[in-house]
């Protein structure tokens, strides 16, 4: 079954959570590094809140990943699809 763009955008929140957990960072630590609140980052990870491009950049920087990953996932889906 083909995934919709909304499904793929949800992958961004899951990726952020996965990267944070792999880095053994608490949500509080990543939120502080990205300059956002803990509740807001939690909402992003759970796909409850919209993610402005500026905040996405802050989170990408704090995770040490390139912004292209997010766009590739949102438009094309993960590489293993």
Protein backbone atom coordinates (compact mmCIF):
# COMPACT_ATOMS: atom_id res chain seq x y z
CA UNK A 1 0.00 0.00 0.00
CA UNK A 2 1.40 3.41 -0.99
CA UNK A 3 2.18 5.80 1.83
CA UNK A 4 0.63 9.25 1.74
CA UNK A 5 2.62 12.46 2.25
CA UNK A 6 0.98 12.75 5.69
CA UNK A 7 2.30 9.29 6.59
CA UNK A 8 5.76 10.32 5.47
CA UNK A 9 5.66 13.55 7.44
CA UNK A 10 4.89 11.47 10.53
CA UNK A 11 8.19 9.69 9.84
CA UNK A 12 10.00 12.96 10.64
CA UNK A 13 8.77 12.94 14.24
CA UNK A 14 9.61 9.25 14.56
CA UNK A 15 13.08 9.89 13.10
CA UNK A 16 13.72 12.70 15.56
CA UNK A 17 12.71 10.45 18.47
CA UNK A 18 14.80 7.56 17.13
CA UNK A 19 17.87 9.76 16.64
CA UNK A 20 17.45 11.26 20.10
CA UNK A 21 17.19 7.83 21.70
CA UNK A 22 20.18 6.49 19.73
CA UNK A 23 22.21 9.45 20.97
CA UNK A 24 21.01 8.61 24.50
CA UNK A 25 19.65 12.13 24.87
CA UNK A 26 16.68 12.94 27.02
CA UNK A 27 13.89 14.91 25.46
CA UNK A 28 14.86 17.72 27.83
CA UNK A 29 18.48 17.73 26.59
CA UNK A 30 17.49 17.79 22.90
CA UNK A 31 14.85 20.43 23.51
CA UNK A 32 17.41 22.63 25.25
CA UNK A 33 19.98 22.11 22.47
CA UNK A 34 17.37 22.88 19.80
CA UNK A 35 15.98 25.90 21.65
CA UNK A 36 12.45 24.55 22.01
CA UNK A 37 10.36 23.51 25.01
CA UNK A 38 10.12 19.90 26.20
CA UNK A 39 6.33 19.72 25.59
CA UNK A 40 6.72 21.16 22.08
CA UNK A 41 9.43 18.64 21.15
CA UNK A 42 7.25 15.85 22.54
CA UNK A 43 4.38 17.03 20.34
CA UNK A 44 6.67 17.05 17.30
CA UNK A 45 7.88 13.51 18.02
CA UNK A 46 4.27 12.35 18.36
CA UNK A 47 3.15 14.24 15.21
CA UNK A 48 0.71 16.36 17.23
CA UNK A 49 2.21 19.75 16.38
CA UNK A 50 3.27 21.40 13.14
CA UNK A 51 6.97 21.76 12.55
CA UNK A 52 8.10 25.10 11.10
CA UNK A 53 11.22 24.98 8.93
CA UNK A 54 13.24 27.07 11.39
CA UNK A 55 12.49 24.67 14.24
CA UNK A 56 13.27 21.70 11.98
CA UNK A 57 16.68 23.28 11.27
CA UNK A 58 17.32 23.78 14.99
CA UNK A 59 16.44 20.14 15.72
CA UNK A 60 18.54 18.86 12.81
CA UNK A 61 21.52 20.86 14.06
CA UNK A 62 21.03 19.60 17.61
CA UNK A 63 20.85 16.00 16.34
CA UNK A 64 23.82 16.45 14.04
CA UNK A 65 21.90 15.44 10.91
CA UNK A 66 21.46 17.29 7.63
CA UNK A 67 18.13 18.90 6.77
CA UNK A 68 18.03 16.98 3.46
CA UNK A 69 17.09 13.83 5.33
CA UNK A 70 13.81 15.37 6.45
CA UNK A 71 12.89 16.56 2.97
CA UNK A 72 13.83 13.27 1.33
CA UNK A 73 11.67 11.41 3.84
CA UNK A 74 8.71 13.74 3.49
CA UNK A 75 8.74 13.69 -0.32
CA UNK A 76 10.15 10.27 -1.25
CA UNK A 77 9.82 8.18 1.88
CA UNK A 78 12.65 6.38 3.66
CA UNK A 79 15.32 4.86 1.45
CA UNK A 80 14.21 1.31 2.23
CA UNK A 81 10.72 1.79 0.73
